[in-house]
Amino acid sequence: MSDLSVFPITRRWPAKHPELLQLYSLPTPNGVKVSIMLEEIGLPYEVHLVDFSKDDQKTAEFLSLNPNGKIPAILDPNGPGGRPLLLFESGAILQYLAEKTGKLLPQEAARRYQTLQWLHFQMGGVGPMFGQVGFFHKFAGKDYEDKRPLQRYVNESKRLLGVMDAHLAGRQWFMDDDYTIADISMLGWVRNLIGFYGAGDLVEFSQFSAVGAWLERGLARPAVQRGLNIPQRPG
């Protein structure tokens, strides 16, 4: 068994079960991608709350794992070649876990790359744009007198939802009948956009019926319901 105490991250978040994959996260749209994935594939793990209110993500211990200071991040004691692997960026973690377990990423080459294209679509478009809508509609940006930034991000979010809606028409999931990491990557973001951000009317979400039906199917999955609340937010 690997001695995880050699990794600075474990000084702040000691591993009670060092034989398990260690998840460092918070239940944000990016964070829940990995907790949902772990719940879906049934891989045992130990979770550690990274508390933004305490600036945990800015500590030397966390930055030793992710120099970008963002969640989620993992430390897998059983990485490639049996050696520990430290990994950040939610999309990279989803792909790693899928390849490690052989689950939720098609094995056939063409479908594998088609799945990854939708994962990158989320990483490069859905996450950044929906997040900006949240900032300018719900958080500090709502007080800006100039509403052009908000409108720019609303328009782009609507465009992205249109792309998703056209693709999902007649499909259960982004990869037809196969639920994959592409779906997992987007569920939390769409949920946040119309829920926590309260931007459903702003982006005219009701017109994207295929996306709405897809979101409902995704949120009905038990693993998704569990993963959305892991780790629990600080009281």
C-alpha atoms as a PDB file:
ATOM      1  CA  MET A   1       0.000   0.000   0.000  1.00  0.00           C
ATOM      2  CA  SER A   2       1.250   3.484  -0.872  1.00  0.00           C
ATOM      3  CA  ASP A   3       2.181   5.840   1.935  1.00  0.00           C
ATOM      4  CA  LEU A   4       0.008   8.847   1.153  1.00  0.00           C
ATOM      5  CA  SER A   5       1.559  10.845   3.983  1.00  0.00           C
ATOM      6  CA  VAL A   6       4.374  11.776   1.608  1.00  0.00           C
ATOM      7  CA  PHE A   7       1.921  13.988  -0.293  1.00  0.00           C
ATOM      8  CA  PRO A   8       1.462  17.477   1.230  1.00  0.00           C
ATOM      9  CA  ILE A   9      -2.288  17.418   0.502  1.00  0.00           C
ATOM     10  CA  THR A  10      -2.750  14.749   3.191  1.00  0.00           C
ATOM     11  CA  ARG A  11      -1.274  16.992   5.880  1.00  0.00           C
ATOM     12  CA  ARG A  12      -4.356  19.183   5.758  1.00  0.00           C
ATOM     13  CA  TRP A  13      -6.754  16.400   4.802  1.00  0.00           C
ATOM     14  CA  PRO A  14      -5.419  13.165   6.380  1.00  0.00           C
ATOM     15  CA  ALA A  15      -6.524   9.973   4.685  1.00  0.00           C
ATOM     16  CA  LYS A  16      -8.449   7.712   7.047  1.00  0.00           C
ATOM     17  CA  HIS A  17      -8.526   5.065   4.323  1.00  0.00           C
ATOM     18  CA  PRO A  18      -5.313   5.538   2.343  1.00  0.00           C
ATOM     19  CA  GLU A  19      -6.066   2.487   0.201  1.00  0.00           C
ATOM     20  CA  LEU A  20      -9.009   4.364  -1.359  1.00  0.00           C
ATOM     21  CA  LEU A  21      -9.129   7.076  -3.989  1.00  0.00           C
ATOM     22  CA  GLN A  22      -9.108  10.475  -2.263  1.00  0.00           C
ATOM     23  CA  LEU A  23     -11.499  13.143  -3.581  1.00  0.00           C
ATOM     24  CA  TYR A  24     -11.030  16.812  -2.705  1.00  0.00           C
ATOM     25  CA  SER A  25     -14.122  18.743  -3.675  1.00  0.00           C
ATOM     26  CA  LEU A  26     -17.179  20.891  -3.008  1.00  0.00           C
ATOM     27  CA  PRO A  27     -20.670  20.329  -4.476  1.00  0.00           C
ATOM     28  CA  THR A  28     -20.391  22.900  -7.267  1.00  0.00           C
ATOM     29  CA  PRO A  29     -21.273  22.071 -10.899  1.00  0.00           C
ATOM     30  CA  ASN A  30     -17.654  21.100 -11.513  1.00  0.00           C
ATOM     31  CA  GLY A  31     -17.213  19.309  -8.212  1.00  0.00           C
ATOM     32  CA  VAL A  32     -20.250  17.077  -8.534  1.00  0.00           C
ATOM     33  CA  LYS A  33     -19.073  15.735 -11.883  1.00  0.00           C
ATOM     34  CA  VAL A  34     -16.563  13.559 -10.073  1.00  0.00           C
ATOM     35  CA  SER A  35     -18.756  12.578  -7.115  1.00  0.00           C
ATOM     36  CA  ILE A  36     -21.536  11.573  -9.531  1.00  0.00           C
ATOM     37  CA  MET A  37     -19.038   9.608 -11.607  1.00  0.00           C
ATOM     38  CA  LEU A  38     -17.693   7.780  -8.566  1.00  0.00           C
ATOM     39  CA  GLU A  39     -21.208   6.948  -7.422  1.00  0.00           C
ATOM     40  CA  GLU A  40     -22.153   5.725 -10.899  1.00  0.00           C
ATOM     41  CA  ILE A  41     -19.175   3.413 -11.317  1.00  0.00           C
ATOM     42  CA  GLY A  42     -19.194   2.189  -7.708  1.00  0.00           C
ATOM     43  CA  LEU A  43     -15.502   2.849  -7.101  1.00  0.00           C
ATOM     44  CA  PRO A  44     -14.847   3.198  -3.342  1.00  0.00           C
ATOM     45  CA  TYR A  45     -13.446   6.584  -2.345  1.00  0.00           C
ATOM     46  CA  GLU A  46     -12.885   8.916   0.559  1.00  0.00           C
ATOM     47  CA  VAL A  47     -14.123  12.472   0.251  1.00  0.00           C
ATOM     48  CA  HIS A  48     -12.638  15.648   1.706  1.00  0.00           C
ATOM     49  CA  LEU A  49     -14.442  18.987   1.788  1.00  0.00           C
ATOM     50  CA  VAL A  50     -12.499  21.912   0.330  1.00  0.00           C
ATOM     51  CA  ASP A  51     -14.127  24.848   2.116  1.00  0.00           C
ATOM     52  CA  PHE A  52     -14.025  28.004  -0.008  1.00  0.00           C
ATOM     53  CA  SER A  53     -15.159  30.099   2.966  1.00  0.00           C
ATOM     54  CA  LYS A  54     -11.848  29.197   4.613  1.00  0.00           C
ATOM     55  CA  ASP A  55      -9.859  29.622   1.375  1.00  0.00           C
ATOM     56  CA  ASP A  56      -8.845  25.962   1.534  1.00  0.00           C
ATOM     57  CA  GLN A  57      -8.228  26.039  -2.204  1.00  0.00           C
ATOM     58  CA  LYS A  58      -5.511  28.658  -1.747  1.00  0.00           C
ATOM     59  CA  THR A  59      -3.493  26.737   0.841  1.00  0.00           C
ATOM     60  CA  ALA A  60      -0.059  25.365   0.055  1.00  0.00           C
ATOM     61  CA  GLU A  61      -1.315  21.844   0.701  1.00  0.00           C
ATOM     62  CA  PHE A  62      -4.096  22.095  -1.886  1.00  0.00           C
ATOM     63  CA  LEU A  63      -1.929  23.921  -4.396  1.00  0.00           C
ATOM     64  CA  SER A  64       0.573  21.064  -4.153  1.00  0.00           C
ATOM     65  CA  LEU A  65      -2.108  18.903  -5.811  1.00  0.00           C
ATOM     66  CA  ASN A  66      -3.704  21.508  -8.052  1.00  0.00           C
ATOM     67  CA  PRO A  67      -1.552  24.570  -8.738  1.00  0.00           C
ATOM     68  CA  ASN A  68      -4.608  26.152 -10.384  1.00  0.00           C
ATOM     69  CA  GLY A  69      -6.388  26.253  -7.018  1.00  0.00           C
ATOM     70  CA  LYS A  70      -9.679  24.798  -8.255  1.00  0.00           C
ATOM     71  CA  ILE A  71     -11.828  21.811  -7.309  1.00  0.00           C
ATOM     72  CA  PRO A  72     -12.234  18.936  -7.871  1.00  0.00           C
ATOM     73  CA  ALA A  73      -8.965  17.072  -7.581  1.00  0.00           C
ATOM     74  CA  ILE A  74      -8.078  13.491  -6.744  1.00  0.00           C
ATOM     75  CA  LEU A  75      -5.261  11.400  -5.354  1.00  0.00           C
ATOM     76  CA  ASP A  76      -5.560   7.804  -6.516  1.00  0.00           C
ATOM     77  CA  PRO A  77      -3.213   5.495  -4.575  1.00  0.00           C
ATOM     78  CA  ASN A  78      -3.766   2.855  -7.256  1.00  0.00           C
ATOM     79  CA  GLY A  79      -2.918   4.836 -10.362  1.00  0.00           C
ATOM     80  CA  PRO A  80      -1.270   3.644 -13.568  1.00  0.00           C
ATOM     81  CA  GLY A  81       1.425   1.065 -12.910  1.00  0.00           C
ATOM     82  CA  GLY A  82       0.207   0.744  -9.319  1.00  0.00           C
ATOM     83  CA  ARG A  83       1.684   4.124  -8.417  1.00  0.00           C
ATOM     84  CA  PRO A  84      -0.212   7.047  -6.859  1.00  0.00           C
ATOM     85  CA  LEU A  85      -1.664   9.565  -9.289  1.00  0.00           C
ATOM     86  CA  LEU A  86      -2.537  13.153  -8.467  1.00  0.00           C
ATOM     87  CA  LEU A  87      -4.958  14.671 -10.956  1.00  0.00           C
ATOM     88  CA  PHE A  88      -6.926  17.884 -11.374  1.00  0.00           C
ATOM     89  CA  GLU A  89      -9.396  19.260 -13.965  1.00  0.00           C
ATOM     90  CA  SER A  90     -12.829  17.642 -13.831  1.00  0.00           C
ATOM     91  CA  GLY A  91     -12.859  16.583 -17.477  1.00  0.00           C
ATOM     92  CA  ALA A  92      -9.507  14.857 -17.174  1.00  0.00           C
ATOM     93  CA  ILE A  93     -10.666  13.107 -14.007  1.00  0.00           C
ATOM     94  CA  LEU A  94     -13.858  11.876 -15.692  1.00  0.00           C
ATOM     95  CA  GLN A  95     -11.865  10.443 -18.588  1.00  0.00           C
ATOM     96  CA  TYR A  96      -9.336   8.858 -16.252  1.00  0.00           C
ATOM     97  CA  LEU A  97     -11.989   7.178 -14.115  1.00  0.00           C
ATOM     98  CA  ALA A  98     -13.834   5.951 -17.204  1.00  0.00           C
ATOM     99  CA  GLU A  99     -10.663   4.428 -18.633  1.00  0.00           C
ATOM    100  CA  LYS A 100      -9.589   3.024 -15.270  1.00  0.00           C
ATOM    101  CA  THR A 101     -12.862   1.147 -14.808  1.00  0.00           C
ATOM    102  CA  GLY A 102     -13.954   0.602 -18.407  1.00  0.00           C
ATOM    103  CA  LYS A 103     -17.284   2.306 -17.652  1.00  0.00           C
ATOM    104  CA  LEU A 104     -19.262   5.211 -19.119  1.00  0.00           C
ATOM    105  CA  LEU A 105     -16.940   5.755 -22.084  1.00  0.00           C
ATOM    106  CA  PRO A 106     -17.517   3.677 -25.232  1.00  0.00           C
ATOM    107  CA  GLN A 107     -14.720   1.275 -26.137  1.00  0.00           C
ATOM    108  CA  GLU A 108     -15.213   1.574 -29.897  1.00  0.00           C
ATOM    109  CA  ALA A 109     -12.834   4.257 -31.123  1.00  0.00           C
ATOM    110  CA  ALA A 110     -15.211   6.464 -33.098  1.00  0.00           C
ATOM    111  CA  ARG A 111     -17.851   6.552 -30.361  1.00  0.00           C
ATOM    112  CA  ARG A 112     -15.164   7.142 -27.759  1.00  0.00           C
ATOM    113  CA  TYR A 113     -13.975  10.267 -29.554  1.00  0.00           C
ATOM    114  CA  GLN A 114     -17.546  11.421 -30.149  1.00  0.00           C
ATOM    115  CA  THR A 115     -18.144  11.164 -26.403  1.00  0.00           C
ATOM    116  CA  LEU A 116     -14.986  13.131 -25.696  1.00  0.00           C
ATOM    117  CA  GLN A 117     -16.039  15.859 -28.124  1.00  0.00           C
ATOM    118  CA  TRP A 118     -19.153  16.474 -26.027  1.00  0.00           C
ATOM    119  CA  LEU A 119     -17.063  16.426 -22.858  1.00  0.00           C
ATOM    120  CA  HIS A 120     -14.856  19.141 -24.353  1.00  0.00           C
ATOM    121  CA  PHE A 121     -17.968  21.019 -25.500  1.00  0.00           C
ATOM    122  CA  GLN A 122     -18.968  21.217 -21.854  1.00  0.00           C
ATOM    123  CA  MET A 123     -15.521  22.167 -20.629  1.00  0.00           C
ATOM    124  CA  GLY A 124     -14.973  24.885 -23.222  1.00  0.00           C
ATOM    125  CA  GLY A 125     -18.505  26.229 -23.584  1.00  0.00           C
ATOM    126  CA  VAL A 126     -21.253  25.150 -21.218  1.00  0.00           C
ATOM    127  CA  GLY A 127     -19.317  25.565 -17.978  1.00  0.00           C
ATOM    128  CA  PRO A 128     -17.676  28.935 -18.678  1.00  0.00           C
ATOM    129  CA  MET A 129     -20.755  30.511 -20.284  1.00  0.00           C
ATOM    130  CA  PHE A 130     -23.316  29.276 -17.762  1.00  0.00           C
ATOM    131  CA  GLY A 131     -20.970  30.332 -14.975  1.00  0.00           C
ATOM    132  CA  GLN A 132     -20.775  33.862 -16.358  1.00  0.00           C
ATOM    133  CA  VAL A 133     -24.566  34.022 -16.532  1.00  0.00           C
ATOM    134  CA  GLY A 134     -24.580  33.067 -12.860  1.00  0.00           C
ATOM    135  CA  PHE A 135     -22.103  35.809 -12.002  1.00  0.00           C
ATOM    136  CA  PHE A 136     -23.867  38.581 -13.894  1.00  0.00           C
ATOM    137  CA  HIS A 137     -27.407  37.493 -12.985  1.00  0.00           C
ATOM    138  CA  LYS A 138     -27.119  36.292  -9.379  1.00  0.00           C
ATOM    139  CA  PHE A 139     -23.836  37.421  -7.886  1.00  0.00           C
ATOM    140  CA  ALA A 140     -21.791  40.654  -7.853  1.00  0.00           C
ATOM    141  CA  GLY A 141     -22.181  41.234 -11.570  1.00  0.00           C
ATOM    142  CA  LYS A 142     -25.915  41.848 -11.197  1.00  0.00           C
ATOM    143  CA  ASP A 143     -25.125  45.298  -9.809  1.00  0.00           C
ATOM    144  CA  TYR A 144     -23.242  46.403 -12.927  1.00  0.00           C
ATOM    145  CA  GLU A 145     -25.087  49.192 -14.685  1.00  0.00           C
ATOM    146  CA  ASP A 146     -23.861  48.023 -18.071  1.00  0.00           C
ATOM    147  CA  LYS A 147     -25.998  44.987 -18.924  1.00  0.00           C
ATOM    148  CA  ARG A 148     -24.167  44.155 -22.138  1.00  0.00           C
ATOM    149  CA  PRO A 149     -21.902  41.532 -20.489  1.00  0.00           C
ATOM    150  CA  LEU A 150     -24.937  39.731 -19.060  1.00  0.00           C
ATOM    151  CA  GLN A 151     -26.712  39.799 -22.406  1.00  0.00           C
ATOM    152  CA  ARG A 152     -23.625  38.503 -24.185  1.00  0.00           C
ATOM    153  CA  TYR A 153     -23.437  35.460 -21.895  1.00  0.00           C
ATOM    154  CA  VAL A 154     -27.190  34.917 -21.958  1.00  0.00           C
ATOM    155  CA  ASN A 155     -27.157  34.889 -25.757  1.00  0.00           C
ATOM    156  CA  GLU A 156     -24.251  32.459 -25.885  1.00  0.00           C
ATOM    157  CA  SER A 157     -25.865  30.197 -23.281  1.00  0.00           C
ATOM    158  CA  LYS A 158     -29.059  30.135 -25.324  1.00  0.00           C
ATOM    159  CA  ARG A 159     -27.041  29.246 -28.400  1.00  0.00           C
ATOM    160  CA  LEU A 160     -25.332  26.380 -26.563  1.00  0.00           C
ATOM    161  CA  LEU A 161     -28.660  25.131 -25.242  1.00  0.00           C
ATOM    162  CA  GLY A 162     -29.902  25.177 -28.817  1.00  0.00           C
ATOM    163  CA  VAL A 163     -26.985  23.020 -29.919  1.00  0.00           C
ATOM    164  CA  MET A 164     -27.710  20.588 -27.088  1.00  0.00           C
ATOM    165  CA  ASP A 165     -31.432  20.570 -27.797  1.00  0.00           C
ATOM    166  CA  ALA A 166     -31.008  19.816 -31.494  1.00  0.00           C
ATOM    167  CA  HIS A 167     -28.640  16.957 -30.703  1.00  0.00           C
ATOM    168  CA  LEU A 168     -30.791  15.480 -27.936  1.00  0.00           C
ATOM    169  CA  ALA A 169     -33.997  15.499 -29.995  1.00  0.00           C
ATOM    170  CA  GLY A 170     -34.959  11.841 -30.317  1.00  0.00           C
ATOM    171  CA  ARG A 171     -32.117  10.728 -28.047  1.00  0.00           C
ATOM    172  CA  GLN A 172     -32.051   9.680 -24.404  1.00  0.00           C
ATOM    173  CA  TRP A 173     -28.465  10.773 -23.812  1.00  0.00           C
ATOM    174  CA  PHE A 174     -25.726  12.561 -25.697  1.00  0.00           C
ATOM    175  CA  MET A 175     -24.512   9.223 -27.009  1.00  0.00           C
ATOM    176  CA  ASP A 176     -27.949   7.903 -28.016  1.00  0.00           C
ATOM    177  CA  ASP A 177     -28.880   5.085 -25.605  1.00  0.00           C
ATOM    178  CA  ASP A 178     -25.508   5.161 -23.832  1.00  0.00           C
ATOM    179  CA  TYR A 179     -25.260   7.274 -20.694  1.00  0.00           C
ATOM    180  CA  THR A 180     -21.657   8.501 -20.541  1.00  0.00           C
ATOM    181  CA  ILE A 181     -19.258  10.983 -19.014  1.00  0.00           C
ATOM    182  CA  ALA A 182     -20.585  13.520 -21.538  1.00  0.00           C
ATOM    183  CA  ASP A 183     -23.925  13.530 -19.727  1.00  0.00           C
ATOM    184  CA  ILE A 184     -22.305  13.563 -16.304  1.00  0.00           C
ATOM    185  CA  SER A 185     -20.224  16.601 -17.239  1.00  0.00           C
ATOM    186  CA  MET A 186     -23.299  18.693 -18.117  1.00  0.00           C
ATOM    187  CA  LEU A 187     -25.998  17.692 -15.640  1.00  0.00           C
ATOM    188  CA  GLY A 188     -24.783  19.856 -12.766  1.00  0.00           C
ATOM    189  CA  TRP A 189     -24.308  22.899 -14.979  1.00  0.00           C
ATOM    190  CA  VAL A 190     -27.781  22.800 -16.536  1.00  0.00           C
ATOM    191  CA  ARG A 191     -29.315  22.140 -13.128  1.00  0.00           C
ATOM    192  CA  ASN A 192     -27.457  25.130 -11.663  1.00  0.00           C
ATOM    193  CA  LEU A 193     -28.389  27.432 -14.523  1.00  0.00           C
ATOM    194  CA  ILE A 194     -32.118  27.046 -13.991  1.00  0.00           C
ATOM    195  CA  GLY A 195     -31.979  26.280 -10.263  1.00  0.00           C
ATOM    196  CA  PHE A 196     -29.334  27.947  -8.132  1.00  0.00           C
ATOM    197  CA  TYR A 197     -28.673  30.741 -10.650  1.00  0.00           C
ATOM    198  CA  GLY A 198     -32.397  31.264 -11.234  1.00  0.00           C
ATOM    199  CA  ALA A 199     -31.791  31.978 -14.919  1.00  0.00           C
ATOM    200  CA  GLY A 200     -34.392  29.683 -16.453  1.00  0.00           C
ATOM    201  CA  ASP A 201     -36.625  32.493 -17.686  1.00  0.00           C
ATOM    202  CA  LEU A 202     -33.618  34.570 -18.707  1.00  0.00           C
ATOM    203  CA  VAL A 203     -32.375  31.915 -21.130  1.00  0.00           C
ATOM    204  CA  GLU A 204     -35.928  30.862 -22.089  1.00  0.00           C
ATOM    205  CA  PHE A 205     -35.195  27.333 -20.911  1.00  0.00           C
ATOM    206  CA  SER A 206     -38.729  26.102 -21.515  1.00  0.00           C
ATOM    207  CA  GLN A 207     -38.179  26.254 -25.270  1.00  0.00           C
ATOM    208  CA  PHE A 208     -35.429  23.625 -25.035  1.00  0.00           C
ATOM    209  CA  SER A 209     -37.726  20.690 -24.388  1.00  0.00           C
ATOM    210  CA  ALA A 210     -35.228  17.979 -25.307  1.00  0.00           C
ATOM    211  CA  VAL A 211     -32.690  19.396 -22.851  1.00  0.00           C
ATOM    212  CA  GLY A 212     -35.373  19.602 -20.180  1.00  0.00           C
ATOM    213  CA  ALA A 213     -36.375  15.971 -20.679  1.00  0.00           C
ATOM    214  CA  TRP A 214     -32.717  14.895 -20.648  1.00  0.00           C
ATOM    215  CA  LEU A 215     -32.119  16.819 -17.401  1.00  0.00           C
ATOM    216  CA  GLU A 216     -35.133  15.183 -15.793  1.00  0.00           C
ATOM    217  CA  ARG A 217     -33.888  11.721 -16.772  1.00  0.00           C
ATOM    218  CA  GLY A 218     -30.438  12.476 -15.437  1.00  0.00           C
ATOM    219  CA  LEU A 219     -31.596  13.895 -12.126  1.00  0.00           C
ATOM    220  CA  ALA A 220     -33.772  10.817 -11.582  1.00  0.00           C
ATOM    221  CA  ARG A 221     -30.716   8.561 -11.448  1.00  0.00           C
ATOM    222  CA  PRO A 222     -29.952   7.493  -7.836  1.00  0.00           C
ATOM    223  CA  ALA A 223     -26.200   7.938  -8.308  1.00  0.00           C
ATOM    224  CA  VAL A 224     -26.753  11.473  -9.559  1.00  0.00           C
ATOM    225  CA  GLN A 225     -28.965  12.285  -6.577  1.00  0.00           C
ATOM    226  CA  ARG A 226     -26.274  11.050  -4.214  1.00  0.00           C
ATOM    227  CA  GLY A 227     -23.406  12.680  -6.042  1.00  0.00           C
ATOM    228  CA  LEU A 228     -25.043  16.096  -6.121  1.00  0.00           C
ATOM    229  CA  ASN A 229     -24.679  16.280  -2.329  1.00  0.00           C
ATOM    230  CA  ILE A 230     -21.107  14.984  -1.981  1.00  0.00           C
ATOM    231  CA  PRO A 231     -19.351  16.322  -0.060  1.00  0.00           C
ATOM    232  CA  GLN A 232     -21.923  18.000   2.138  1.00  0.00           C
ATOM    233  CA  ARG A 233     -21.533  21.743   2.272  1.00  0.00           C
ATOM    234  CA  PRO A 234     -20.225  23.193   5.540  1.00  0.00           C
ATOM    235  CA  GLY A 235     -22.958  23.939   8.027  1.00  0.00           C
END
